[in-house]
Full PDB file with SEQRES, HELIX, SHEET, SSBOND, CRYST1, ORIGX, SCALE, CONECT and MASTER records, all heavy atoms in Angstrom:
SEQRES   1 A   38  GLN ASN THR PRO GLU THR ASN PRO TYR MET GLN LYS PHE          
SEQRES   2 A   38  LEU ALA LEU THR THR TRP ARG PRO GLN LEU LEU ALA VAL          
SEQRES   3 A   38  PHE GLY GLY VAL LEU ASP TYR GLN ARG TYR GLY PRO              
HELIX    1 AA1 PRO A    8  LEU A   16  1                                   9    
HELIX    2 AA2 TYR A   33  ARG A   35  5                                   3    
CRYST1    1.000    1.000    1.000  90.00  90.00  90.00 P 1           1          
ORIGX1      1.000000  0.000000  0.000000        0.00000                         
ORIGX2      0.000000  1.000000  0.000000        0.00000                         
ORIGX3      0.000000  0.000000  1.000000        0.00000                         
SCALE1      1.000000  0.000000  0.000000        0.00000                         
SCALE2      0.000000  1.000000  0.000000        0.00000                         
SCALE3      0.000000  0.000000  1.000000        0.00000                         
ATOM      1  N   GLN A   1       4.337  -9.415   3.315  1.00  0.00           N  
ATOM      2  CA  GLN A   1       4.189  -8.152   2.597  1.00  0.00           C  
ATOM      3  C   GLN A   1       3.268  -7.191   3.334  1.00  0.00           C  
ATOM      4  O   GLN A   1       2.674  -6.298   2.728  1.00  0.00           O  
ATOM      5  CB  GLN A   1       3.669  -8.410   1.174  1.00  0.00           C  
ATOM      6  CG  GLN A   1       4.662  -9.164   0.294  1.00  0.00           C  
ATOM      7  CD  GLN A   1       4.166  -9.352  -1.116  1.00  0.00           C  
ATOM      8  OE1 GLN A   1       2.977  -9.523  -1.362  1.00  0.00           O  
ATOM      9  NE2 GLN A   1       5.080  -9.321  -2.073  1.00  0.00           N  
ATOM     10  N   ASN A   2       3.163  -7.363   4.649  1.00  0.00           N  
ATOM     11  CA  ASN A   2       2.209  -6.566   5.426  1.00  0.00           C  
ATOM     12  C   ASN A   2       2.860  -5.529   6.331  1.00  0.00           C  
ATOM     13  O   ASN A   2       2.253  -5.070   7.299  1.00  0.00           O  
ATOM     14  CB  ASN A   2       1.301  -7.484   6.252  1.00  0.00           C  
ATOM     15  CG  ASN A   2       2.060  -8.282   7.295  1.00  0.00           C  
ATOM     16  OD1 ASN A   2       3.297  -8.210   7.365  1.00  0.00           O  
ATOM     17  ND2 ASN A   2       1.348  -9.057   8.099  1.00  0.00           N  
ATOM     18  N   THR A   3       4.101  -5.143   6.010  1.00  0.00           N  
ATOM     19  CA  THR A   3       4.759  -4.047   6.740  1.00  0.00           C  
ATOM     20  C   THR A   3       5.244  -3.039   5.710  1.00  0.00           C  
ATOM     21  O   THR A   3       5.448  -3.375   4.534  1.00  0.00           O  
ATOM     22  CB  THR A   3       5.960  -4.549   7.563  1.00  0.00           C  
ATOM     23  OG1 THR A   3       7.008  -4.969   6.660  1.00  0.00           O  
ATOM     24  CG2 THR A   3       5.567  -5.707   8.480  1.00  0.00           C  
ATOM     25  N   PRO A   4       5.459  -1.789   6.123  1.00  0.00           N  
ATOM     26  CA  PRO A   4       5.973  -0.790   5.169  1.00  0.00           C  
ATOM     27  C   PRO A   4       7.292  -1.206   4.533  1.00  0.00           C  
ATOM     28  O   PRO A   4       7.543  -0.900   3.367  1.00  0.00           O  
ATOM     29  CB  PRO A   4       6.139   0.464   6.042  1.00  0.00           C  
ATOM     30  CG  PRO A   4       5.131   0.291   7.124  1.00  0.00           C  
ATOM     31  CD  PRO A   4       5.114  -1.186   7.419  1.00  0.00           C  
ATOM     32  N   GLU A   5       8.104  -1.933   5.286  1.00  0.00           N  
ATOM     33  CA  GLU A   5       9.417  -2.326   4.791  1.00  0.00           C  
ATOM     34  C   GLU A   5       9.344  -3.445   3.755  1.00  0.00           C  
ATOM     35  O   GLU A   5      10.231  -3.572   2.904  1.00  0.00           O  
ATOM     36  CB  GLU A   5      10.313  -2.762   5.954  1.00  0.00           C  
ATOM     37  CG  GLU A   5      10.649  -1.651   6.939  1.00  0.00           C  
ATOM     38  CD  GLU A   5       9.517  -1.349   7.904  1.00  0.00           C  
ATOM     39  OE1 GLU A   5       8.561  -2.159   8.019  1.00  0.00           O  
ATOM     40  OE2 GLU A   5       9.567  -0.282   8.546  1.00  0.00           O  
ATOM     41  N   THR A   6       8.308  -4.269   3.827  1.00  0.00           N  
ATOM     42  CA  THR A   6       8.225  -5.434   2.946  1.00  0.00           C  
ATOM     43  C   THR A   6       7.150  -5.322   1.874  1.00  0.00           C  
ATOM     44  O   THR A   6       7.074  -6.165   0.991  1.00  0.00           O  
ATOM     45  CB  THR A   6       7.956  -6.712   3.761  1.00  0.00           C  
ATOM     46  OG1 THR A   6       6.696  -6.574   4.449  1.00  0.00           O  
ATOM     47  CG2 THR A   6       9.066  -6.950   4.773  1.00  0.00           C  
ATOM     48  N   ASN A   7       6.315  -4.302   1.966  1.00  0.00           N  
ATOM     49  CA  ASN A   7       5.229  -4.149   1.004  1.00  0.00           C  
ATOM     50  C   ASN A   7       5.730  -3.454  -0.259  1.00  0.00           C  
ATOM     51  O   ASN A   7       6.237  -2.327  -0.188  1.00  0.00           O  
ATOM     52  CB  ASN A   7       4.087  -3.345   1.627  1.00  0.00           C  
ATOM     53  CG  ASN A   7       2.883  -3.259   0.722  1.00  0.00           C  
ATOM     54  OD1 ASN A   7       2.818  -2.396  -0.138  1.00  0.00           O  
ATOM     55  ND2 ASN A   7       1.929  -4.153   0.911  1.00  0.00           N  
ATOM     56  N   PRO A   8       5.625  -4.094  -1.421  1.00  0.00           N  
ATOM     57  CA  PRO A   8       6.191  -3.498  -2.639  1.00  0.00           C  
ATOM     58  C   PRO A   8       5.530  -2.192  -3.042  1.00  0.00           C  
ATOM     59  O   PRO A   8       6.193  -1.297  -3.585  1.00  0.00           O  
ATOM     60  CB  PRO A   8       5.965  -4.585  -3.698  1.00  0.00           C  
ATOM     61  CG  PRO A   8       4.849  -5.422  -3.166  1.00  0.00           C  
ATOM     62  CD  PRO A   8       5.006  -5.405  -1.684  1.00  0.00           C  
ATOM     63  N   TYR A   9       4.241  -2.047  -2.778  1.00  0.00           N  
ATOM     64  CA  TYR A   9       3.557  -0.809  -3.150  1.00  0.00           C  
ATOM     65  C   TYR A   9       3.989   0.360  -2.275  1.00  0.00           C  
ATOM     66  O   TYR A   9       4.099   1.493  -2.747  1.00  0.00           O  
ATOM     67  CB  TYR A   9       2.046  -0.997  -3.081  1.00  0.00           C  
ATOM     68  CG  TYR A   9       1.528  -2.044  -4.035  1.00  0.00           C  
ATOM     69  CD1 TYR A   9       0.634  -3.018  -3.617  1.00  0.00           C  
ATOM     70  CD2 TYR A   9       1.954  -2.063  -5.369  1.00  0.00           C  
ATOM     71  CE1 TYR A   9       0.158  -3.987  -4.500  1.00  0.00           C  
ATOM     72  CE2 TYR A   9       1.489  -3.027  -6.260  1.00  0.00           C  
ATOM     73  CZ  TYR A   9       0.588  -3.985  -5.818  1.00  0.00           C  
ATOM     74  OH  TYR A   9       0.137  -4.941  -6.689  1.00  0.00           O  
ATOM     75  N   MET A  10       4.241   0.094  -1.001  1.00  0.00           N  
ATOM     76  CA  MET A  10       4.734   1.161  -0.130  1.00  0.00           C  
ATOM     77  C   MET A  10       6.142   1.571  -0.537  1.00  0.00           C  
ATOM     78  O   MET A  10       6.486   2.761  -0.559  1.00  0.00           O  
ATOM     79  CB  MET A  10       4.710   0.717   1.331  1.00  0.00           C  
ATOM     80  CG  MET A  10       5.225   1.776   2.305  1.00  0.00           C  
ATOM     81  SD  MET A  10       4.213   3.286   2.337  1.00  0.00           S  
ATOM     82  CE  MET A  10       2.899   2.774   3.461  1.00  0.00           C  
ATOM     83  N   GLN A  11       6.961   0.590  -0.858  1.00  0.00           N  
ATOM     84  CA  GLN A  11       8.320   0.908  -1.274  1.00  0.00           C  
ATOM     85  C   GLN A  11       8.326   1.687  -2.592  1.00  0.00           C  
ATOM     86  O   GLN A  11       9.134   2.605  -2.775  1.00  0.00           O  
ATOM     87  CB  GLN A  11       9.142  -0.379  -1.401  1.00  0.00           C  
ATOM     88  CG  GLN A  11       9.442  -1.039  -0.066  1.00  0.00           C  
ATOM     89  CD  GLN A  11      10.166  -0.096   0.888  1.00  0.00           C  
ATOM     90  OE1 GLN A  11      11.209   0.464   0.540  1.00  0.00           O  
ATOM     91  NE2 GLN A  11       9.626   0.085   2.079  1.00  0.00           N  
ATOM     92  N   LYS A  12       7.422   1.346  -3.496  1.00  0.00           N  
ATOM     93  CA  LYS A  12       7.313   2.102  -4.747  1.00  0.00           C  
ATOM     94  C   LYS A  12       6.829   3.520  -4.474  1.00  0.00           C  
ATOM     95  O   LYS A  12       7.315   4.491  -5.083  1.00  0.00           O  
ATOM     96  CB  LYS A  12       6.352   1.391  -5.698  1.00  0.00           C  
ATOM     97  CG  LYS A  12       6.243   2.067  -7.059  1.00  0.00           C  
ATOM     98  CD  LYS A  12       5.332   1.281  -7.992  1.00  0.00           C  
ATOM     99  CE  LYS A  12       5.225   1.963  -9.348  1.00  0.00           C  
ATOM    100  NZ  LYS A  12       4.324   1.214 -10.272  1.00  0.00           N  
ATOM    101  N   PHE A  13       5.879   3.653  -3.556  1.00  0.00           N  
ATOM    102  CA  PHE A  13       5.384   4.980  -3.172  1.00  0.00           C  
ATOM    103  C   PHE A  13       6.534   5.852  -2.670  1.00  0.00           C  
ATOM    104  O   PHE A  13       6.686   7.004  -3.084  1.00  0.00           O  
ATOM    105  CB  PHE A  13       4.308   4.838  -2.089  1.00  0.00           C  
ATOM    106  CG  PHE A  13       3.929   6.134  -1.437  1.00  0.00           C  
ATOM    107  CD1 PHE A  13       3.033   6.995  -2.048  1.00  0.00           C  
ATOM    108  CD2 PHE A  13       4.472   6.499  -0.206  1.00  0.00           C  
ATOM    109  CE1 PHE A  13       2.689   8.203  -1.442  1.00  0.00           C  
ATOM    110  CE2 PHE A  13       4.137   7.691   0.399  1.00  0.00           C  
ATOM    111  CZ  PHE A  13       3.239   8.551  -0.219  1.00  0.00           C  
ATOM    112  N   LEU A  14       7.349   5.314  -1.783  1.00  0.00           N  
ATOM    113  CA  LEU A  14       8.462   6.072  -1.223  1.00  0.00           C  
ATOM    114  C   LEU A  14       9.501   6.430  -2.278  1.00  0.00           C  
ATOM    115  O   LEU A  14      10.190   7.446  -2.172  1.00  0.00           O  
ATOM    116  CB  LEU A  14       9.107   5.288  -0.077  1.00  0.00           C  
ATOM    117  CG  LEU A  14       8.222   5.083   1.158  1.00  0.00           C  
ATOM    118  CD1 LEU A  14       8.913   4.153   2.149  1.00  0.00           C  
ATOM    119  CD2 LEU A  14       7.878   6.412   1.815  1.00  0.00           C  
ATOM    120  N   ALA A  15       9.605   5.587  -3.309  1.00  0.00           N  
ATOM    121  CA  ALA A  15      10.560   5.867  -4.380  1.00  0.00           C  
ATOM    122  C   ALA A  15      10.060   6.960  -5.323  1.00  0.00           C  
ATOM    123  O   ALA A  15      10.865   7.626  -5.987  1.00  0.00           O  
ATOM    124  CB  ALA A  15      10.839   4.597  -5.175  1.00  0.00           C  
ATOM    125  N   LEU A  16       8.738   7.164  -5.359  1.00  0.00           N  
ATOM    126  CA  LEU A  16       8.150   8.111  -6.302  1.00  0.00           C  
ATOM    127  C   LEU A  16       7.810   9.465  -5.693  1.00  0.00           C  
ATOM    128  O   LEU A  16       7.329  10.349  -6.407  1.00  0.00           O  
ATOM    129  CB  LEU A  16       6.890   7.503  -6.930  1.00  0.00           C  
ATOM    130  CG  LEU A  16       7.115   6.301  -7.849  1.00  0.00           C  
ATOM    131  CD1 LEU A  16       5.784   5.743  -8.336  1.00  0.00           C  
ATOM    132  CD2 LEU A  16       7.995   6.683  -9.035  1.00  0.00           C  
ATOM    133  N   THR A  17       8.023   9.629  -4.402  1.00  0.00           N  
ATOM    134  CA  THR A  17       7.731  10.907  -3.764  1.00  0.00           C  
ATOM    135  C   THR A  17       8.878  11.321  -2.862  1.00  0.00           C  
ATOM    136  O   THR A  17       9.592  10.468  -2.327  1.00  0.00           O  
ATOM    137  CB  THR A  17       6.419  10.834  -2.945  1.00  0.00           C  
ATOM    138  OG1 THR A  17       6.181  12.102  -2.313  1.00  0.00           O  
ATOM    139  CG2 THR A  17       6.505   9.766  -1.865  1.00  0.00           C  
ATOM    140  N   THR A  18       9.041  12.616  -2.693  1.00  0.00           N  
ATOM    141  CA  THR A  18      10.084  13.129  -1.795  1.00  0.00           C  
ATOM    142  C   THR A  18       9.569  13.295  -0.377  1.00  0.00           C  
ATOM    143  O   THR A  18      10.359  13.584   0.525  1.00  0.00           O  
ATOM    144  CB  THR A  18      10.607  14.475  -2.306  1.00  0.00           C  
ATOM    145  OG1 THR A  18       9.500  15.384  -2.459  1.00  0.00           O  
ATOM    146  CG2 THR A  18      11.303  14.310  -3.652  1.00  0.00           C  
ATOM    147  N   TRP A  19       8.253  13.130  -0.192  1.00  0.00           N  
ATOM    148  CA  TRP A  19       7.680  13.213   1.156  1.00  0.00           C  
ATOM    149  C   TRP A  19       8.086  11.993   1.961  1.00  0.00           C  
ATOM    150  O   TRP A  19       8.051  10.867   1.463  1.00  0.00           O  
ATOM    151  CB  TRP A  19       6.156  13.293   1.053  1.00  0.00           C  
ATOM    152  CG  TRP A  19       5.439  13.368   2.373  1.00  0.00           C  
ATOM    153  CD1 TRP A  19       5.794  14.089   3.468  1.00  0.00           C  
ATOM    154  CD2 TRP A  19       4.215  12.697   2.719  1.00  0.00           C  
ATOM    155  NE1 TRP A  19       4.869  13.920   4.482  1.00  0.00           N  
ATOM    156  CE2 TRP A  19       3.892  13.076   4.044  1.00  0.00           C  
ATOM    157  CE3 TRP A  19       3.364  11.833   2.028  1.00  0.00           C  
ATOM    158  CZ2 TRP A  19       2.753  12.595   4.689  1.00  0.00           C  
ATOM    159  CZ3 TRP A  19       2.234  11.367   2.672  1.00  0.00           C  
ATOM    160  CH2 TRP A  19       1.931  11.745   3.995  1.00  0.00           C  
ATOM    161  N   ARG A  20       8.484  12.215   3.207  1.00  0.00           N  
ATOM    162  CA  ARG A  20       8.841  11.126   4.107  1.00  0.00           C  
ATOM    163  C   ARG A  20       7.937  11.186   5.341  1.00  0.00           C  
ATOM    164  O   ARG A  20       8.249  11.860   6.320  1.00  0.00           O  
ATOM    165  CB  ARG A  20      10.317  11.209   4.509  1.00  0.00           C  
ATOM    166  CG  ARG A  20      11.268  10.854   3.375  1.00  0.00           C  
ATOM    167  CD  ARG A  20      11.078   9.414   2.959  1.00  0.00           C  
ATOM    168  NE  ARG A  20      11.855   9.048   1.771  1.00  0.00           N  
ATOM    169  CZ  ARG A  20      11.381   9.043   0.542  1.00  0.00           C  
ATOM    170  NH1 ARG A  20      10.122   9.408   0.298  1.00  0.00           N  
ATOM    171  NH2 ARG A  20      12.128   8.682  -0.475  1.00  0.00           N  
ATOM    172  N   PRO A  21       6.791  10.492   5.279  1.00  0.00           N  
ATOM    173  CA  PRO A  21       5.856  10.514   6.408  1.00  0.00           C  
ATOM    174  C   PRO A  21       6.530  10.046   7.703  1.00  0.00           C  
ATOM    175  O   PRO A  21       7.386   9.163   7.691  1.00  0.00           O  
ATOM    176  CB  PRO A  21       4.752   9.545   5.978  1.00  0.00           C  
ATOM    177  CG  PRO A  21       4.855   9.498   4.486  1.00  0.00           C  
ATOM    178  CD  PRO A  21       6.314   9.648   4.187  1.00  0.00           C  
ATOM    179  N   GLN A  22       6.098  10.624   8.804  1.00  0.00           N  
ATOM    180  CA  GLN A  22       6.657  10.234  10.101  1.00  0.00           C  
ATOM    181  C   GLN A  22       6.172   8.862  10.540  1.00  0.00           C  
ATOM    182  O   GLN A  22       6.866   8.155  11.271  1.00  0.00           O  
ATOM    183  CB  GLN A  22       6.299  11.298  11.142  1.00  0.00           C  
ATOM    184  CG  GLN A  22       6.965  12.635  10.878  1.00  0.00           C  
ATOM    185  CD  GLN A  22       6.382  13.726  11.748  1.00  0.00           C  
ATOM    186  OE1 GLN A  22       5.281  14.201  11.524  1.00  0.00           O  
ATOM    187  NE2 GLN A  22       7.130  14.132  12.768  1.00  0.00           N  
ATOM    188  N   LEU A  23       4.975   8.490  10.120  1.00  0.00           N  
ATOM    189  CA  LEU A  23       4.433   7.163  10.417  1.00  0.00           C  
ATOM    190  C   LEU A  23       3.933   6.535   9.128  1.00  0.00           C  
ATOM    191  O   LEU A  23       3.332   7.210   8.287  1.00  0.00           O  
ATOM    192  CB  LEU A  23       3.279   7.252  11.424  1.00  0.00           C  
ATOM    193  CG  LEU A  23       3.595   7.747  12.832  1.00  0.00           C  
ATOM    194  CD1 LEU A  23       2.313   7.837  13.656  1.00  0.00           C  
ATOM    195  CD2 LEU A  23       4.602   6.834  13.517  1.00  0.00           C  
ATOM    196  N   LEU A  24       4.176   5.244   8.982  1.00  0.00           N  
ATOM    197  CA  LEU A  24       3.743   4.501   7.805  1.00  0.00           C  
ATOM    198  C   LEU A  24       3.019   3.225   8.229  1.00  0.00           C  
ATOM    199  O   LEU A  24       3.362   2.623   9.248  1.00  0.00           O  
ATOM    200  CB  LEU A  24       4.941   4.113   6.934  1.00  0.00           C  
ATOM    201  CG  LEU A  24       5.745   5.235   6.268  1.00  0.00           C  
ATOM    202  CD1 LEU A  24       7.037   4.659   5.686  1.00  0.00           C  
ATOM    203  CD2 LEU A  24       4.919   5.905   5.182  1.00  0.00           C  
ATOM    204  N   ALA A  25       2.054   2.811   7.425  1.00  0.00           N  
ATOM    205  CA  ALA A  25       1.376   1.535   7.681  1.00  0.00           C  
ATOM    206  C   ALA A  25       0.806   0.995   6.381  1.00  0.00           C  
ATOM    207  O   ALA A  25       0.500   1.756   5.456  1.00  0.00           O  
ATOM    208  CB  ALA A  25       0.265   1.708   8.715  1.00  0.00           C  
ATOM    209  N   VAL A  26       0.677  -0.324   6.313  1.00  0.00           N  
ATOM    210  CA  VAL A  26      -0.019  -0.969   5.199  1.00  0.00           C  
ATOM    211  C   VAL A  26      -1.067  -1.911   5.790  1.00  0.00           C  
ATOM    212  O   VAL A  26      -0.821  -2.581   6.792  1.00  0.00           O  
ATOM    213  CB  VAL A  26       0.943  -1.741   4.278  1.00  0.00           C  
ATOM    214  CG1 VAL A  26       1.897  -0.784   3.581  1.00  0.00           C  
ATOM    215  CG2 VAL A  26       1.726  -2.801   5.034  1.00  0.00           C  
ATOM    216  N   PHE A  27      -2.229  -1.947   5.160  1.00  0.00           N  
ATOM    217  CA  PHE A  27      -3.323  -2.782   5.638  1.00  0.00           C  
ATOM    218  C   PHE A  27      -3.914  -3.582   4.475  1.00  0.00           C  
ATOM    219  O   PHE A  27      -4.025  -3.078   3.351  1.00  0.00           O  
ATOM    220  CB  PHE A  27      -4.435  -1.931   6.264  1.00  0.00           C  
ATOM    221  CG  PHE A  27      -3.972  -1.049   7.387  1.00  0.00           C  
ATOM    222  CD1 PHE A  27      -4.115   0.330   7.315  1.00  0.00           C  
ATOM    223  CD2 PHE A  27      -3.368  -1.594   8.519  1.00  0.00           C  
ATOM    224  CE1 PHE A  27      -3.692   1.148   8.347  1.00  0.00           C  
ATOM    225  CE2 PHE A  27      -2.932  -0.788   9.556  1.00  0.00           C  
ATOM    226  CZ  PHE A  27      -3.098   0.594   9.468  1.00  0.00           C  
ATOM    227  N   GLY A  28      -4.285  -4.811   4.773  1.00  0.00           N  
ATOM    228  CA  GLY A  28      -4.968  -5.614   3.776  1.00  0.00           C  
ATOM    229  C   GLY A  28      -6.326  -5.021   3.447  1.00  0.00           C  
ATOM    230  O   GLY A  28      -6.981  -4.422   4.305  1.00  0.00           O  
ATOM    231  N   GLY A  29      -6.751  -5.191   2.213  1.00  0.00           N  
ATOM    232  CA  GLY A  29      -8.034  -4.640   1.785  1.00  0.00           C  
ATOM    233  C   GLY A  29      -9.150  -5.663   1.846  1.00  0.00           C  
ATOM    234  O   GLY A  29      -9.092  -6.624   2.616  1.00  0.00           O  
ATOM    235  N   VAL A  30     -10.156  -5.455   1.020  1.00  0.00           N  
ATOM    236  CA  VAL A  30     -11.306  -6.361   0.966  1.00  0.00           C  
ATOM    237  C   VAL A  30     -11.401  -6.930  -0.443  1.00  0.00           C  
ATOM    238  O   VAL A  30     -11.138  -6.238  -1.430  1.00  0.00           O  
ATOM    239  CB  VAL A  30     -12.612  -5.626   1.358  1.00  0.00           C  
ATOM    240  CG1 VAL A  30     -12.926  -4.494   0.393  1.00  0.00           C  
ATOM    241  CG2 VAL A  30     -13.777  -6.596   1.432  1.00  0.00           C  
ATOM    242  N   LEU A  31     -11.766  -8.198  -0.533  1.00  0.00           N  
ATOM    243  CA  LEU A  31     -11.970  -8.856  -1.824  1.00  0.00           C  
ATOM    244  C   LEU A  31     -13.460  -9.140  -1.961  1.00  0.00           C  
ATOM    245  O   LEU A  31     -14.001  -9.994  -1.268  1.00  0.00           O  
ATOM    246  CB  LEU A  31     -11.160 -10.148  -1.905  1.00  0.00           C  
ATOM    247  CG  LEU A  31     -11.270 -10.937  -3.212  1.00  0.00           C  
ATOM    248  CD1 LEU A  31     -10.764 -10.116  -4.388  1.00  0.00           C  
ATOM    249  CD2 LEU A  31     -10.493 -12.249  -3.111  1.00  0.00           C  
ATOM    250  N   ASP A  32     -14.115  -8.403  -2.839  1.00  0.00           N  
ATOM    251  CA  ASP A  32     -15.559  -8.537  -3.042  1.00  0.00           C  
ATOM    252  C   ASP A  32     -15.830  -8.463  -4.544  1.00  0.00           C  
ATOM    253  O   ASP A  32     -16.070  -7.389  -5.104  1.00  0.00           O  
ATOM    254  CB  ASP A  32     -16.297  -7.413  -2.304  1.00  0.00           C  
ATOM    255  CG  ASP A  32     -17.809  -7.533  -2.416  1.00  0.00           C  
ATOM    256  OD1 ASP A  32     -18.286  -8.488  -3.067  1.00  0.00           O  
ATOM    257  OD2 ASP A  32     -18.519  -6.663  -1.871  1.00  0.00           O  
ATOM    258  N   TYR A  33     -15.783  -9.592  -5.203  1.00  0.00           N  
ATOM    259  CA  TYR A  33     -15.891  -9.631  -6.659  1.00  0.00           C  
ATOM    260  C   TYR A  33     -17.181  -8.991  -7.177  1.00  0.00           C  
ATOM    261  O   TYR A  33     -17.175  -8.332  -8.224  1.00  0.00           O  
ATOM    262  CB  TYR A  33     -15.811 -11.075  -7.149  1.00  0.00           C  
ATOM    263  CG  TYR A  33     -14.432 -11.677  -7.117  1.00  0.00           C  
ATOM    264  CD1 TYR A  33     -14.114 -12.714  -6.246  1.00  0.00           C  
ATOM    265  CD2 TYR A  33     -13.437 -11.218  -7.979  1.00  0.00           C  
ATOM    266  CE1 TYR A  33     -12.843 -13.275  -6.227  1.00  0.00           C  
ATOM    267  CE2 TYR A  33     -12.167 -11.772  -7.964  1.00  0.00           C  
ATOM    268  CZ  TYR A  33     -11.878 -12.800  -7.080  1.00  0.00           C  
ATOM    269  OH  TYR A  33     -10.608 -13.344  -7.073  1.00  0.00           O  
ATOM    270  N   GLN A  34     -18.276  -9.197  -6.469  1.00  0.00           N  
ATOM    271  CA  GLN A  34     -19.556  -8.697  -6.970  1.00  0.00           C  
ATOM    272  C   GLN A  34     -19.645  -7.170  -6.921  1.00  0.00           C  
ATOM    273  O   GLN A  34     -20.498  -6.576  -7.569  1.00  0.00           O  
ATOM    274  CB  GLN A  34     -20.706  -9.325  -6.172  1.00  0.00           C  
ATOM    275  CG  GLN A  34     -20.826 -10.822  -6.352  1.00  0.00           C  
ATOM    276  CD  GLN A  34     -20.944 -11.219  -7.814  1.00  0.00           C  
ATOM    277  OE1 GLN A  34     -21.794 -10.702  -8.532  1.00  0.00           O  
ATOM    278  NE2 GLN A  34     -20.090 -12.133  -8.267  1.00  0.00           N  
ATOM    279  N   ARG A  35     -18.748  -6.558  -6.184  1.00  0.00           N  
ATOM    280  CA  ARG A  35     -18.768  -5.100  -6.082  1.00  0.00           C  
ATOM    281  C   ARG A  35     -17.992  -4.441  -7.225  1.00  0.00           C  
ATOM    282  O   ARG A  35     -18.181  -3.264  -7.503  1.00  0.00           O  
ATOM    283  CB  ARG A  35     -18.175  -4.676  -4.734  1.00  0.00           C  
ATOM    284  CG  ARG A  35     -18.424  -3.242  -4.376  1.00  0.00           C  
ATOM    285  CD  ARG A  35     -17.987  -2.977  -2.969  1.00  0.00           C  
ATOM    286  NE  ARG A  35     -18.357  -1.646  -2.526  1.00  0.00           N  
ATOM    287  CZ  ARG A  35     -18.127  -1.156  -1.324  1.00  0.00           C  
ATOM    288  NH1 ARG A  35     -17.531  -1.919  -0.423  1.00  0.00           N  
ATOM    289  NH2 ARG A  35     -18.493   0.064  -1.008  1.00  0.00           N  
ATOM    290  N   TYR A  36     -17.122  -5.205  -7.869  1.00  0.00           N  
ATOM    291  CA  TYR A  36     -16.278  -4.647  -8.919  1.00  0.00           C  
ATOM    292  C   TYR A  36     -17.008  -4.579 -10.260  1.00  0.00           C  
ATOM    293  O   TYR A  36     -17.924  -5.351 -10.535  1.00  0.00           O  
ATOM    294  CB  TYR A  36     -15.017  -5.511  -9.110  1.00  0.00           C  
ATOM    295  CG  TYR A  36     -14.228  -5.763  -7.857  1.00  0.00           C  
ATOM    296  CD1 TYR A  36     -13.651  -7.006  -7.609  1.00  0.00           C  
ATOM    297  CD2 TYR A  36     -14.054  -4.763  -6.901  1.00  0.00           C  
ATOM    298  CE1 TYR A  36     -12.920  -7.247  -6.466  1.00  0.00           C  
ATOM    299  CE2 TYR A  36     -13.328  -4.995  -5.748  1.00  0.00           C  
ATOM    300  CZ  TYR A  36     -12.762  -6.245  -5.528  1.00  0.00           C  
ATOM    301  OH  TYR A  36     -12.048  -6.483  -4.394  1.00  0.00           O  
ATOM    302  N   GLY A  37     -16.540  -3.651 -11.093  1.00  0.00           N  
ATOM    303  CA  GLY A  37     -16.992  -3.632 -12.476  1.00  0.00           C  
ATOM    304  C   GLY A  37     -16.383  -4.803 -13.220  1.00  0.00           C  
ATOM    305  O   GLY A  37     -15.447  -5.453 -12.739  1.00  0.00           O  
ATOM    306  N   PRO A  38     -16.888  -5.112 -14.414  1.00  0.00           N  
ATOM    307  CA  PRO A  38     -16.412  -6.284 -15.163  1.00  0.00           C  
ATOM    308  C   PRO A  38     -14.904  -6.295 -15.384  1.00  0.00           C  
ATOM    309  O   PRO A  38     -14.260  -7.347 -15.235  1.00  0.00           O  
ATOM    310  CB  PRO A  38     -17.177  -6.179 -16.493  1.00  0.00           C  
ATOM    311  CG  PRO A  38     -18.404  -5.406 -16.154  1.00  0.00           C  
ATOM    312  CD  PRO A  38     -17.996  -4.426 -15.097  1.00  0.00           C  
TER     313      PRO A  38                                                      
MASTER        0    0    0    2    0    0    0    6  312    1    0    3          
END                                                                             
């Protein structure tokens, strides 16, 4: 799920907007439980 073609959030983004960016990328984020609110 780490490419624009296989990432569900990127595919949903493309389905919800008429903009077609010339370049696309998806990157993993950070998991830091202590930084989040409850």
